[in-house]
Amino acid sequence: MREDTREAVERVDEARLWRRHEEMAQIGAIPGNGVNRAAFSGEDIRARRLLLSWAQARQFEVTMDAIGNLFVRRPGLDAGAAPVLSGSHMDSQPRGGRFDGIYGVLAALEALEAIDDAGLKTRRPIELVAWSNEEGGRFGPCTMGSAVHTRARSIDDFADVTDNDGIVLKDALAATLEATPEAGTRELNTPAAGYIEAHIEQGPLLEMQGKTVGVVTGIQGLRWFNVEVFGETAHAGTTPLRVRRDAVRSAISIINALHELTADPDDVLRFTVGRMLVTPNSTNSVASHVLFSVDIRHPDPATIRRLGEAVEPLARKAATPCEVKVTATLHDDPCVFDAGVVDTIQHAADELGVASLRLPSGASHDAMYMSRVCPTGMIFVPYEKGVSHNEAENATPQDLAAGARVLTAALLALANR
């Protein structure tokens, strides 16, 4: 490893990185040591402003694009060279943890500051990016910010999406953009020379195998749907079962059929119903309408395609006597990360003596969309029992710092090519 790279790596400040996680965790804090920081919410705005304060203290340039993605730039010697990017997201699940997403943002900031503290010059600029609405917990679908930035999707596709309280996305986004007027304007799909995303693993493999970082090789594919079942409201005490058009009962039949469709003895496939809205949602009324989400994931393109195509006909058959509407909300094919970036991350871990494991990601990340526009890779760090999207999510300062050191070395390698 080059001496200047090692000097920057040694400037990674474990205490500073941990302290910033603690500060961010206070924004949207919920009982159980968790976080509820929904996209484009007041809490999201507060988190953005805290990040901006740290960037401005270093006099880093800050810009923002039309979907609210934030970019923090440390300049390079060649101002016209495409930058190397690193980051993740700041929004959380409604009952999320303190490390999902935000670790990648803070690890990227730590890398920028460590390189700055070492006084290093890089050929290419290095930029931190905080992606908007990665979780999709308030406004679906997920990975919205990176999808729009890379022009895989348009803002118009989502502008009129509403949250559970009826708030329209375009209004919440406008309020978020207005709350950070000091950020300069960033065009969508600006050139990038590379992208590395640091993230907690969201699985137990690293902890089980005693490894400090994961060198991620790719991301499995997924299909998301909203399924709406239309029945008829009736009195729960007087309406015979044989004449009811019970939307809940039909929804359960559809879900059971989907469970059968997605049965996998090898436990590779993932099927989840994570959201359900019932109308009128009254104890003594038969439900007239149910909306529920469907999330199917698999690393094999043919398998995910077959399952996705089967959802609507299966739902229509199982919904009788109710009517059903199936809307596809997200379709992401499996992706394989750039071999050069993966090898760069592996080399950094090896040079630093950090025990590593190559593995694919079971969860979607913004890196999936970035892999379509530039060489991309990911770094995972372990955390307790593999529990994520949960208040109990926990990691150690030592593992977070180790991941940030590998990230720093890898970013320097890419930025000096």
Protein backbone atom coordinates (compact mmCIF):
# COMPACT_ATOMS: atom_id res chain seq x y z
CA MET A 1 0.00 0.00 0.00
CA ARG A 2 1.25 3.49 -0.84
CA GLU A 3 2.50 5.47 2.13
CA ASP A 4 0.12 8.38 1.51
CA THR A 5 -2.85 5.99 1.33
CA ARG A 6 -1.84 4.40 4.61
CA GLU A 7 -1.54 7.85 6.18
CA ALA A 8 -5.12 8.70 5.14
CA VAL A 9 -6.40 5.34 6.38
CA GLU A 10 -4.78 5.99 9.75
CA ARG A 11 -6.63 9.32 9.95
CA VAL A 12 -10.01 7.53 10.03
CA ASP A 13 -11.34 8.53 13.45
CA GLU A 14 -13.32 5.73 15.06
CA ALA A 15 -14.62 7.98 17.87
CA ARG A 16 -15.72 10.72 15.46
CA LEU A 17 -17.52 8.22 13.22
CA TRP A 18 -19.33 6.68 16.19
CA ARG A 19 -20.23 10.06 17.65
CA ARG A 20 -21.83 11.12 14.40
CA HIS A 21 -23.92 7.96 14.30
CA GLU A 22 -25.13 8.82 17.78
CA GLU A 23 -25.99 12.38 16.73
CA MET A 24 -27.89 11.22 13.67
CA ALA A 25 -29.73 8.61 15.74
CA GLN A 26 -31.25 11.41 17.83
CA ILE A 27 -33.10 12.66 14.76
CA GLY A 28 -36.28 10.60 14.57
CA ALA A 29 -35.36 8.57 17.67
CA ILE A 30 -38.02 6.06 18.77
CA PRO A 31 -38.29 3.71 21.77
CA GLY A 32 -36.03 0.68 21.68
CA ASN A 33 -33.01 2.64 20.44
CA GLY A 34 -34.41 2.81 16.91
CA VAL A 35 -35.07 5.50 14.31
CA ASN A 36 -38.09 6.63 12.31
CA ARG A 37 -36.77 9.07 9.72
CA ALA A 38 -39.09 8.94 6.73
CA ALA A 39 -38.07 10.33 3.36
CA PHE A 40 -38.89 14.02 2.80
CA SER A 41 -40.12 14.41 6.37
CA GLY A 42 -39.15 17.00 8.96
CA GLU A 43 -36.73 14.47 10.44
CA ASP A 44 -35.17 13.86 7.03
CA ILE A 45 -34.69 17.60 6.60
CA ARG A 46 -33.02 17.89 10.02
CA ALA A 47 -30.65 15.04 9.16
CA ARG A 48 -29.79 16.69 5.85
CA ARG A 49 -29.03 19.98 7.59
CA LEU A 50 -26.77 18.23 10.11
CA LEU A 51 -24.85 16.58 7.28
CA LEU A 52 -24.58 19.95 5.54
CA SER A 53 -23.17 21.56 8.68
CA TRP A 54 -20.35 19.00 8.80
CA ALA A 55 -19.62 19.44 5.08
CA GLN A 56 -19.62 23.24 5.33
CA ALA A 57 -17.23 23.13 8.28
CA ARG A 58 -14.72 21.58 5.84
CA GLN A 59 -15.68 24.01 3.08
CA PHE A 60 -16.71 21.12 0.85
CA GLU A 61 -18.99 22.06 -2.04
CA VAL A 62 -22.60 20.90 -1.64
CA THR A 63 -25.09 20.41 -4.49
CA MET A 64 -28.55 18.82 -4.80
CA ASP A 65 -30.47 17.44 -7.76
CA ALA A 66 -34.17 17.57 -8.59
CA ILE A 67 -35.10 14.49 -6.52
CA GLY A 68 -33.22 15.81 -3.47
CA ASN A 69 -30.06 13.72 -3.66
CA LEU A 70 -27.27 15.57 -1.81
CA PHE A 71 -23.68 15.63 -3.10
CA VAL A 72 -20.65 16.71 -1.04
CA ARG A 73 -17.51 17.26 -3.13
CA ARG A 74 -13.83 17.23 -2.25
CA PRO A 75 -12.08 18.62 -5.33
CA GLY A 76 -9.40 16.84 -7.30
CA LEU A 77 -6.41 18.11 -9.24
CA ASP A 78 -8.29 17.62 -12.52
CA ALA A 79 -11.43 19.71 -12.06
CA GLY A 80 -12.89 18.35 -15.30
CA ALA A 81 -12.47 14.69 -14.39
CA ALA A 82 -15.53 12.67 -13.51
CA PRO A 83 -15.67 12.12 -9.72
CA VAL A 84 -15.58 8.93 -7.72
CA LEU A 85 -18.70 8.70 -5.54
CA SER A 86 -19.50 7.00 -2.24
CA GLY A 87 -22.57 7.13 -0.03
CA SER A 88 -25.92 5.62 0.81
CA HIS A 89 -29.21 6.92 2.26
CA MET A 90 -30.42 8.80 5.34
CA ASP A 91 -34.09 7.76 5.46
CA SER A 92 -35.19 4.78 7.54
CA GLN A 93 -37.96 2.26 7.93
CA PRO A 94 -40.80 3.28 10.32
CA ARG A 95 -39.24 1.10 13.00
CA GLY A 96 -35.70 1.16 11.69
CA GLY A 97 -32.27 0.99 13.25
CA ARG A 98 -29.41 3.44 13.72
CA PHE A 99 -27.08 2.11 11.02
CA ASP A 100 -29.07 1.08 7.93
CA GLY A 101 -28.15 3.55 5.18
CA ILE A 102 -26.72 6.26 7.36
CA TYR A 103 -23.52 4.25 7.89
CA GLY A 104 -22.68 4.55 4.19
CA VAL A 105 -23.21 8.32 4.30
CA LEU A 106 -21.12 8.81 7.43
CA ALA A 107 -18.41 6.38 6.29
CA ALA A 108 -18.07 8.37 3.06
CA LEU A 109 -17.84 11.62 5.06
CA GLU A 110 -15.22 10.04 7.32
CA ALA A 111 -13.23 8.98 4.26
CA LEU A 112 -13.34 12.52 2.84
CA GLU A 113 -12.25 13.99 6.16
CA ALA A 114 -9.46 11.44 6.66
CA ILE A 115 -8.09 12.19 3.19
CA ASP A 116 -8.41 15.90 3.95
CA ASP A 117 -6.67 15.54 7.31
CA ALA A 118 -3.81 13.74 5.59
CA GLY A 119 -3.52 16.64 3.13
CA LEU A 120 -3.70 14.33 0.10
CA LYS A 121 -4.39 15.45 -3.45
CA THR A 122 -6.34 13.14 -5.72
CA ARG A 123 -6.52 13.30 -9.50
CA ARG A 124 -10.30 12.95 -9.53
CA PRO A 125 -12.75 14.67 -7.19
CA ILE A 126 -14.31 12.42 -4.55
CA GLU A 127 -17.95 12.97 -3.68
CA LEU A 128 -20.23 11.84 -0.91
CA VAL A 129 -23.81 11.22 -2.04
CA ALA A 130 -26.85 10.92 0.25
CA TRP A 131 -29.59 9.32 -1.84
CA SER A 132 -33.25 10.29 -1.36
CA ASN A 133 -35.96 7.80 -0.41
CA GLU A 134 -34.00 4.58 -0.62
CA GLU A 135 -36.31 2.73 1.76
CA GLY A 136 -39.63 3.47 0.05
CA GLY A 137 -41.30 3.16 3.45
CA ARG A 138 -43.29 6.39 3.09
CA PHE A 139 -43.43 6.87 -0.67
CA GLY A 140 -42.98 3.80 -2.86
CA PRO A 141 -40.99 2.47 -4.55
CA CYS A 142 -37.58 2.12 -2.91
CA THR A 143 -34.24 3.35 -4.34
CA MET A 144 -36.13 6.29 -5.84
CA GLY A 145 -33.33 8.84 -5.61
CA SER A 146 -30.74 6.76 -7.45
CA ALA A 147 -33.30 5.57 -10.01
CA VAL A 148 -34.21 9.16 -10.88
CA HIS A 149 -30.63 10.43 -10.80
CA THR A 150 -29.47 7.77 -13.26
CA ARG A 151 -32.58 8.41 -15.41
CA ALA A 152 -33.75 4.83 -15.02
CA ARG A 153 -37.02 6.40 -13.86
CA SER A 154 -38.56 9.87 -14.10
CA ILE A 155 -39.75 12.08 -11.25
CA ASP A 156 -43.07 12.21 -13.09
CA ASP A 157 -43.47 8.48 -12.44
CA PHE A 158 -43.75 9.20 -8.71
CA ALA A 159 -44.88 12.83 -8.37
CA ASP A 160 -48.46 11.99 -7.40
CA VAL A 161 -47.69 9.06 -5.09
CA THR A 162 -49.22 9.58 -1.63
CA ASP A 163 -48.21 8.36 1.80
CA ASN A 164 -50.59 6.76 4.31
CA ASP A 165 -51.72 10.23 5.43
CA GLY A 166 -52.55 11.39 1.93
CA ILE A 167 -49.51 13.67 1.56
CA VAL A 168 -48.38 13.89 -2.07
CA LEU A 169 -44.73 13.17 -2.84
CA LYS A 170 -44.22 16.24 -5.03
CA ASP A 171 -45.32 18.48 -2.14
CA ALA A 172 -43.05 16.77 0.40
CA LEU A 173 -40.16 16.89 -2.07
CA ALA A 174 -40.71 20.60 -2.73
CA ALA A 175 -40.57 21.32 1.01
CA THR A 176 -37.33 19.35 1.30
CA LEU A 177 -35.70 21.20 -1.59
CA GLU A 178 -36.74 24.55 -0.15
CA ALA A 179 -35.26 23.65 3.25
CA THR A 180 -31.69 23.51 1.89
CA PRO A 181 -31.35 26.66 -0.25
CA GLU A 182 -27.59 26.81 0.26
CA ALA A 183 -27.06 23.67 -1.83
CA GLY A 184 -26.14 24.37 -5.43
CA THR A 185 -28.03 22.83 -8.33
CA ARG A 186 -26.91 19.43 -9.58
CA GLU A 187 -28.03 18.00 -12.92
CA LEU A 188 -29.35 14.46 -13.11
CA ASN A 189 -27.09 11.66 -14.34
CA THR A 190 -23.86 13.61 -14.14
CA PRO A 191 -20.78 11.54 -15.16
CA ALA A 192 -19.19 9.32 -12.52
CA ALA A 193 -15.91 7.41 -12.73
CA GLY A 194 -16.94 4.93 -10.04
CA TYR A 195 -19.14 4.34 -7.03
CA ILE A 196 -18.60 2.43 -3.78
CA GLU A 197 -21.39 2.06 -1.22
CA ALA A 198 -20.63 1.06 2.36
CA HIS A 199 -23.51 -0.56 4.25
CA ILE A 200 -24.30 -2.87 7.11
CA GLU A 201 -24.73 -6.40 5.80
CA GLN A 202 -28.40 -6.81 6.84
CA GLY A 203 -27.70 -10.50 7.20
CA PRO A 204 -25.76 -12.78 9.56
CA LEU A 205 -23.00 -14.23 7.35
CA LEU A 206 -20.14 -11.92 8.33
CA GLU A 207 -20.82 -12.30 12.04
CA MET A 208 -21.26 -16.07 11.71
CA GLN A 209 -17.94 -16.44 9.89
CA GLY A 210 -16.02 -13.94 11.99
CA LYS A 211 -15.24 -11.58 9.09
CA THR A 212 -14.86 -7.82 9.43
CA VAL A 213 -15.91 -6.69 5.95
CA GLY A 214 -17.89 -8.11 3.07
CA VAL A 215 -16.66 -7.59 -0.48
CA VAL A 216 -20.00 -7.51 -2.31
CA THR A 217 -20.18 -9.10 -5.76
CA GLY A 218 -23.70 -8.05 -6.81
CA ILE A 219 -27.39 -7.70 -5.88
CA GLN A 220 -30.27 -10.11 -6.41
CA GLY A 221 -33.29 -9.12 -8.52
CA LEU A 222 -36.69 -8.13 -7.18
CA ARG A 223 -40.29 -7.53 -8.20
CA TRP A 224 -42.68 -5.33 -6.22
CA PHE A 225 -46.45 -5.17 -6.65
CA ASN A 226 -49.43 -3.52 -5.05
CA VAL A 227 -52.43 -5.84 -4.96
CA GLU A 228 -55.86 -4.27 -4.45
CA VAL A 229 -58.89 -6.41 -3.62
CA PHE A 230 -62.37 -4.93 -4.13
CA GLY A 231 -65.28 -6.40 -2.19
CA GLU A 232 -68.39 -4.96 -0.54
CA THR A 233 -68.96 -3.58 2.95
CA ALA A 234 -71.58 -5.46 4.96
CA HIS A 235 -72.66 -5.97 8.58
CA ALA A 236 -70.45 -8.52 10.35
CA GLY A 237 -73.32 -9.80 12.51
CA THR A 238 -76.09 -10.18 9.97
CA THR A 239 -74.61 -10.95 6.54
CA PRO A 240 -74.33 -14.70 5.76
CA LEU A 241 -70.83 -15.85 4.85
CA ARG A 242 -71.95 -17.42 1.59
CA VAL A 243 -73.09 -14.09 0.13
CA ARG A 244 -70.26 -11.91 1.36
CA ARG A 245 -67.67 -10.26 -0.88
CA ASP A 246 -65.08 -10.04 1.90
CA ALA A 247 -61.93 -8.28 0.67
CA VAL A 248 -59.84 -9.47 3.63
CA ARG A 249 -60.80 -13.09 3.10
CA SER A 250 -59.89 -12.87 -0.60
CA ALA A 251 -56.64 -11.09 0.22
CA ILE A 252 -55.70 -13.94 2.56
CA SER A 253 -56.46 -16.45 -0.20
CA ILE A 254 -54.19 -14.57 -2.60
CA ILE A 255 -51.37 -14.40 -0.05
CA ASN A 256 -51.65 -18.11 0.69
CA ALA A 257 -51.50 -18.85 -3.04
CA LEU A 258 -48.41 -16.67 -3.37
CA HIS A 259 -46.79 -18.54 -0.49
CA GLU A 260 -47.31 -21.77 -2.42
CA LEU A 261 -45.97 -20.20 -5.62
CA THR A 262 -42.79 -19.03 -3.91
CA ALA A 263 -42.06 -22.12 -1.83
CA ASP A 264 -38.33 -22.87 -2.07
CA PRO A 265 -36.75 -25.84 -0.25
CA ASP A 266 -33.31 -24.25 -0.68
CA ASP A 267 -34.46 -21.02 1.06
CA VAL A 268 -32.91 -18.80 -1.60
CA LEU A 269 -36.12 -17.10 -2.70
CA ARG A 270 -37.59 -14.27 -0.60
CA PHE A 271 -41.33 -13.47 -0.50
CA THR A 272 -42.82 -10.80 1.77
CA VAL A 273 -46.13 -9.04 2.34
CA GLY A 274 -45.04 -6.08 4.46
CA ARG A 275 -47.86 -3.56 4.06
CA MET A 276 -51.64 -3.91 4.27
CA LEU A 277 -54.39 -1.29 4.33
CA VAL A 278 -57.98 -2.32 5.05
CA THR A 279 -61.18 -0.32 4.42
CA PRO A 280 -63.30 0.47 6.39
CA ASN A 281 -61.03 -1.15 9.02
CA SER A 282 -63.85 -1.65 11.50
CA THR A 283 -64.35 -4.60 13.83
CA ASN A 284 -68.00 -5.22 12.94
CA SER A 285 -67.86 -4.49 9.21
CA VAL A 286 -66.93 -6.76 6.31
CA ALA A 287 -64.00 -5.17 4.48
CA SER A 288 -64.74 -3.60 1.10
CA HIS A 289 -61.15 -2.93 0.05
CA VAL A 290 -57.67 -4.25 0.87
CA LEU A 291 -54.37 -3.03 -0.52
CA PHE A 292 -51.26 -5.05 0.22
CA SER A 293 -47.68 -5.11 -1.04
CA VAL A 294 -45.83 -8.04 -2.58
CA ASP A 295 -42.03 -8.27 -2.54
CA ILE A 296 -40.35 -11.17 -4.40
CA ARG A 297 -36.55 -11.53 -4.69
CA HIS A 298 -34.18 -14.04 -6.28
CA PRO A 299 -30.66 -13.89 -7.78
CA ASP A 300 -31.60 -15.81 -10.95
CA PRO A 301 -33.08 -13.67 -13.77
CA ALA A 302 -35.25 -16.47 -15.19
CA THR A 303 -36.72 -17.31 -11.78
CA ILE A 304 -37.57 -13.73 -10.87
CA ARG A 305 -39.14 -13.22 -14.33
CA ARG A 306 -41.28 -16.38 -14.03
CA LEU A 307 -42.53 -15.48 -10.57
CA GLY A 308 -43.27 -11.88 -11.51
CA GLU A 309 -45.35 -12.93 -14.49
CA ALA A 310 -47.34 -15.36 -12.34
CA VAL A 311 -48.52 -12.86 -9.68
CA GLU A 312 -51.44 -11.24 -11.51
CA PRO A 313 -53.13 -14.38 -12.97
CA LEU A 314 -52.74 -16.18 -9.65
CA ALA A 315 -54.23 -13.23 -7.74
CA ARG A 316 -57.23 -13.02 -10.07
CA LYS A 317 -57.94 -16.71 -9.67
CA ALA A 318 -57.62 -16.65 -5.86
CA ALA A 319 -59.66 -13.44 -5.36
CA THR A 320 -63.09 -14.90 -6.23
CA PRO A 321 -65.75 -13.60 -5.51
CA CYS A 322 -63.94 -10.25 -5.22
CA GLU A 323 -62.29 -8.29 -7.97
CA VAL A 324 -58.57 -7.59 -7.98
CA LYS A 325 -56.13 -5.08 -9.46
CA VAL A 326 -52.40 -5.79 -9.57
CA THR A 327 -49.97 -2.92 -10.16
CA ALA A 328 -46.27 -3.51 -10.69
CA THR A 329 -44.35 -0.87 -8.70
CA LEU A 330 -40.74 -1.97 -9.08
CA HIS A 331 -38.81 -4.33 -11.35
CA ASP A 332 -35.08 -4.67 -10.82
CA ASP A 333 -33.07 -7.38 -12.52
CA PRO A 334 -30.13 -8.99 -10.71
CA CYS A 335 -26.87 -7.10 -11.18
CA VAL A 336 -23.20 -8.08 -11.03
CA PHE A 337 -20.72 -5.47 -9.81
CA ASP A 338 -17.69 -4.35 -11.79
CA ALA A 339 -14.85 -6.84 -11.33
CA GLY A 340 -12.26 -4.06 -11.19
CA VAL A 341 -14.00 -2.25 -8.33
CA VAL A 342 -14.64 -5.51 -6.47
CA ASP A 343 -10.94 -6.39 -6.80
CA THR A 344 -9.95 -2.89 -5.65
CA ILE A 345 -12.02 -3.30 -2.48
CA GLN A 346 -10.60 -6.80 -1.94
CA HIS A 347 -7.06 -5.53 -2.39
CA ALA A 348 -7.65 -2.70 0.11
CA ALA A 349 -8.97 -5.14 2.71
CA ASP A 350 -6.05 -7.51 2.15
CA GLU A 351 -3.46 -4.73 2.35
CA LEU A 352 -4.97 -3.51 5.62
CA GLY A 353 -5.13 -7.04 7.06
CA VAL A 354 -8.92 -6.87 7.40
CA ALA A 355 -10.61 -10.27 7.31
CA SER A 356 -13.08 -10.33 4.43
CA LEU A 357 -15.71 -12.47 2.71
CA ARG A 358 -17.01 -12.20 -0.84
CA LEU A 359 -20.79 -12.39 -0.95
CA PRO A 360 -23.84 -11.13 -2.87
CA SER A 361 -26.38 -8.71 -1.40
CA GLY A 362 -29.85 -10.00 -0.66
CA ALA A 363 -31.21 -6.48 -0.20
CA SER A 364 -31.57 -3.80 -2.85
CA HIS A 365 -29.31 -0.76 -2.67
CA ASP A 366 -28.72 2.41 -4.64
CA ALA A 367 -25.57 0.74 -5.94
CA MET A 368 -27.84 -1.31 -8.20
CA TYR A 369 -28.78 1.74 -10.28
CA MET A 370 -25.29 3.21 -10.16
CA SER A 371 -23.91 -0.04 -11.58
CA ARG A 372 -25.78 0.77 -14.79
CA VAL A 373 -23.88 4.04 -15.32
CA CYS A 374 -20.40 3.51 -13.84
CA PRO A 375 -18.12 0.84 -12.31
CA THR A 376 -19.63 0.02 -8.92
CA GLY A 377 -19.01 -2.02 -5.80
CA MET A 378 -20.10 -2.31 -2.17
CA ILE A 379 -18.52 -2.88 1.23
CA PHE A 380 -20.49 -4.62 3.98
CA VAL A 381 -19.77 -4.56 7.71
CA PRO A 382 -21.20 -7.04 10.23
CA TYR A 383 -23.68 -6.27 12.92
CA GLU A 384 -25.35 -8.08 15.77
CA LYS A 385 -27.33 -11.21 14.82
CA GLY A 386 -27.99 -9.89 11.33
CA VAL A 387 -31.07 -8.02 12.54
CA SER A 388 -32.05 -5.04 10.35
CA HIS A 389 -35.16 -2.93 9.65
CA ASN A 390 -35.58 -3.24 13.39
CA GLU A 391 -34.93 -1.03 16.43
CA ALA A 392 -32.50 -3.63 17.78
CA GLU A 393 -30.06 -3.09 14.90
CA ASN A 394 -26.57 -2.85 16.39
CA ALA A 395 -22.95 -2.61 15.21
CA THR A 396 -19.61 -2.00 16.91
CA PRO A 397 -17.49 1.14 16.54
CA GLN A 398 -14.54 -1.05 15.60
CA ASP A 399 -16.32 -2.72 12.66
CA LEU A 400 -17.73 0.57 11.38
CA ALA A 401 -14.25 2.12 11.45
CA ALA A 402 -12.70 -0.91 9.74
CA GLY A 403 -15.17 -0.60 6.90
CA ALA A 404 -14.43 3.12 6.62
CA ARG A 405 -10.69 2.39 6.38
CA VAL A 406 -11.20 -0.09 3.56
CA LEU A 407 -13.49 2.44 1.88
CA THR A 408 -10.88 5.19 2.20
CA ALA A 409 -8.16 3.08 0.60
CA ALA A 410 -10.45 1.93 -2.22
CA LEU A 411 -11.66 5.46 -2.98
CA LEU A 412 -8.09 6.72 -3.17
CA ALA A 413 -7.18 3.95 -5.58
CA LEU A 414 -10.10 4.79 -7.88
CA ALA A 415 -9.63 8.56 -7.61
CA ASN A 416 -5.98 8.38 -8.65
CA ARG A 417 -6.50 6.25 -11.74
